[in-house]
Protein backbone atom coordinates (compact mmCIF):
# COMPACT_ATOMS: atom_id res chain seq x y z
CA GLN A 1 87.56 71.11 196.93
CA ALA A 2 88.89 71.32 193.38
CA PRO A 3 86.44 72.88 190.93
CA LEU A 4 86.59 69.75 188.78
CA VAL A 5 86.68 66.18 190.04
CA GLU A 6 87.87 63.34 187.84
CA SER A 7 86.99 59.68 188.31
CA GLY A 8 87.09 56.41 186.40
CA GLY A 9 90.81 55.82 186.20
CA GLY A 10 92.38 52.46 186.89
CA SER A 11 94.50 49.70 185.44
CA VAL A 12 93.38 47.94 182.27
CA GLN A 13 95.04 45.52 179.89
CA ALA A 14 96.16 46.70 176.49
CA GLY A 15 93.24 46.74 174.11
CA GLY A 16 90.76 47.42 176.91
CA SER A 17 88.53 50.40 177.58
CA LEU A 18 87.93 52.96 180.32
CA THR A 19 85.59 55.90 180.67
CA LEU A 20 86.79 58.91 182.62
CA SER A 21 84.30 61.33 184.15
CA CYS A 22 84.79 64.95 185.14
CA PHE A 23 82.21 66.42 187.50
CA THR A 24 81.98 70.20 187.70
CA SER A 25 81.48 70.87 191.38
CA GLY A 26 79.69 74.14 192.13
CA ARG A 27 79.08 75.33 188.59
CA ALA A 28 76.81 74.44 185.72
CA LEU A 29 78.59 72.79 182.82
CA ALA A 30 76.43 74.45 180.20
CA GLY A 31 78.46 77.26 178.66
CA TYR A 32 81.82 75.67 179.41
CA GLY A 33 84.33 74.22 177.00
CA MET A 34 86.16 71.23 178.40
CA ALA A 35 89.36 69.36 177.68
CA TRP A 36 91.39 66.42 178.85
CA PHE A 37 95.14 66.57 179.25
CA ARG A 38 97.51 63.87 180.46
CA GLN A 39 100.93 63.71 182.02
CA ALA A 40 103.09 60.61 181.98
CA ALA A 41 105.86 60.14 184.52
CA GLY A 42 108.85 62.29 183.64
CA LYS A 43 107.05 64.00 180.75
CA GLU A 44 105.27 67.28 180.20
CA ARG A 45 101.51 67.58 180.30
CA GLU A 46 100.01 67.05 176.86
CA PHE A 47 96.67 67.77 175.24
CA VAL A 48 94.41 64.79 174.62
CA ALA A 49 90.94 66.00 173.61
CA ALA A 50 88.65 69.02 173.81
CA ILE A 51 85.01 69.91 173.25
CA ASP A 52 83.67 73.42 172.79
CA TRP A 53 81.01 74.98 175.01
CA THR A 54 78.22 74.19 172.52
CA GLY A 55 79.21 70.53 172.41
CA ARG A 56 79.29 70.62 168.62
CA LYS A 57 83.03 70.85 167.99
CA THR A 58 85.74 68.48 169.19
CA ASP A 59 89.47 68.12 168.69
CA TYR A 60 91.92 65.32 169.48
CA VAL A 61 95.63 64.73 169.51
CA GLU A 62 96.47 62.51 166.56
CA SER A 63 97.61 59.59 168.71
CA VAL A 64 94.13 59.10 170.21
CA ARG A 65 91.93 60.07 167.28
CA ASP A 66 89.55 57.22 166.40
CA ARG A 67 90.20 55.59 169.82
CA PHE A 68 89.01 58.25 172.32
CA THR A 69 85.73 60.18 172.38
CA ILE A 70 85.09 63.33 174.41
CA SER A 71 81.57 64.36 175.37
CA LYS A 72 79.66 66.29 178.02
CA ASP A 73 76.25 66.03 179.62
CA ASN A 74 75.14 69.47 180.77
CA ALA A 75 72.21 68.07 182.73
CA LYS A 76 74.60 65.99 184.85
CA ASN A 77 77.33 68.66 184.97
CA THR A 78 79.72 65.96 183.85
CA GLY A 79 82.18 65.56 181.03
CA TYR A 80 83.46 62.23 179.75
CA LEU A 81 86.41 60.72 177.95
CA GLN A 82 85.64 57.30 176.49
CA MET A 83 88.93 55.51 175.84
CA ASN A 84 89.03 52.38 173.67
CA SER A 85 91.87 50.22 172.39
CA LEU A 86 94.12 51.44 175.17
CA GLU A 87 97.87 51.13 174.72
CA PRO A 88 100.74 51.20 177.22
CA GLU A 89 101.63 54.63 175.81
CA ASP A 90 98.31 55.92 177.20
CA THR A 91 99.55 55.40 180.77
CA ALA A 92 99.43 58.77 182.52
CA VAL A 93 97.58 60.93 185.01
CA TYR A 94 94.59 62.39 183.19
CA PHE A 95 93.35 65.88 184.06
CA CYS A 96 90.15 67.59 182.99
CA ALA A 97 89.98 71.34 182.46
CA ALA A 98 87.22 73.83 181.72
CA VAL A 99 86.75 77.43 180.65
CA ARG A 100 83.60 79.50 180.19
CA PHE A 101 82.51 79.78 176.57
CA GLY A 102 85.64 77.94 175.53
CA GLY A 103 86.32 76.49 172.14
CA ALA A 104 87.83 73.06 171.51
CA TRP A 105 91.19 74.45 172.55
CA SER A 106 94.38 72.45 172.91
CA THR A 107 96.50 74.82 175.01
CA ALA A 108 96.51 74.28 178.76
CA GLY A 109 96.88 77.99 179.49
CA GLN A 110 93.49 78.69 177.93
CA TYR A 111 91.65 76.82 180.69
CA ASP A 112 90.70 78.38 184.03
CA TYR A 113 89.56 75.38 186.05
CA TRP A 114 91.34 72.10 186.64
CA GLY A 115 90.86 68.84 188.46
CA ARG A 116 93.49 66.97 190.44
CA GLY A 117 93.79 64.09 188.01
CA THR A 118 93.07 60.39 187.83
CA GLN A 119 95.63 57.67 187.09
CA VAL A 120 95.28 55.46 184.03
CA THR A 121 97.67 52.51 183.78
CA VAL A 122 97.98 50.18 180.79
CA PRO A 123 100.67 47.59 181.54
CA GLY A 124 103.07 46.84 178.72
């Protein structure tokens, strides 16, 4: 089983909302920084959002700032990505990643644990 398990993807009309979840199987989320990346068909994986291990600092790619919110609930060992005002350009497979005592980092290579991804589709 992958160390992280994403859920909540699906197809939604433009302007709609989805909330992605990332469950940390087998490890406590407290002490881990988390991030969401996405990969559209034929494109490279790109950074979307990150939250540091304390939960106090976040970072976003400019294209989703003010539309997406990253958070984590240590008690539930689950991270979240709330996505509002979705656009066709948001269509991609979304991956969550985690690293112990991580900052709100935007580079994929800085993360040790990854999920297998969940598909988000926003028809044009």
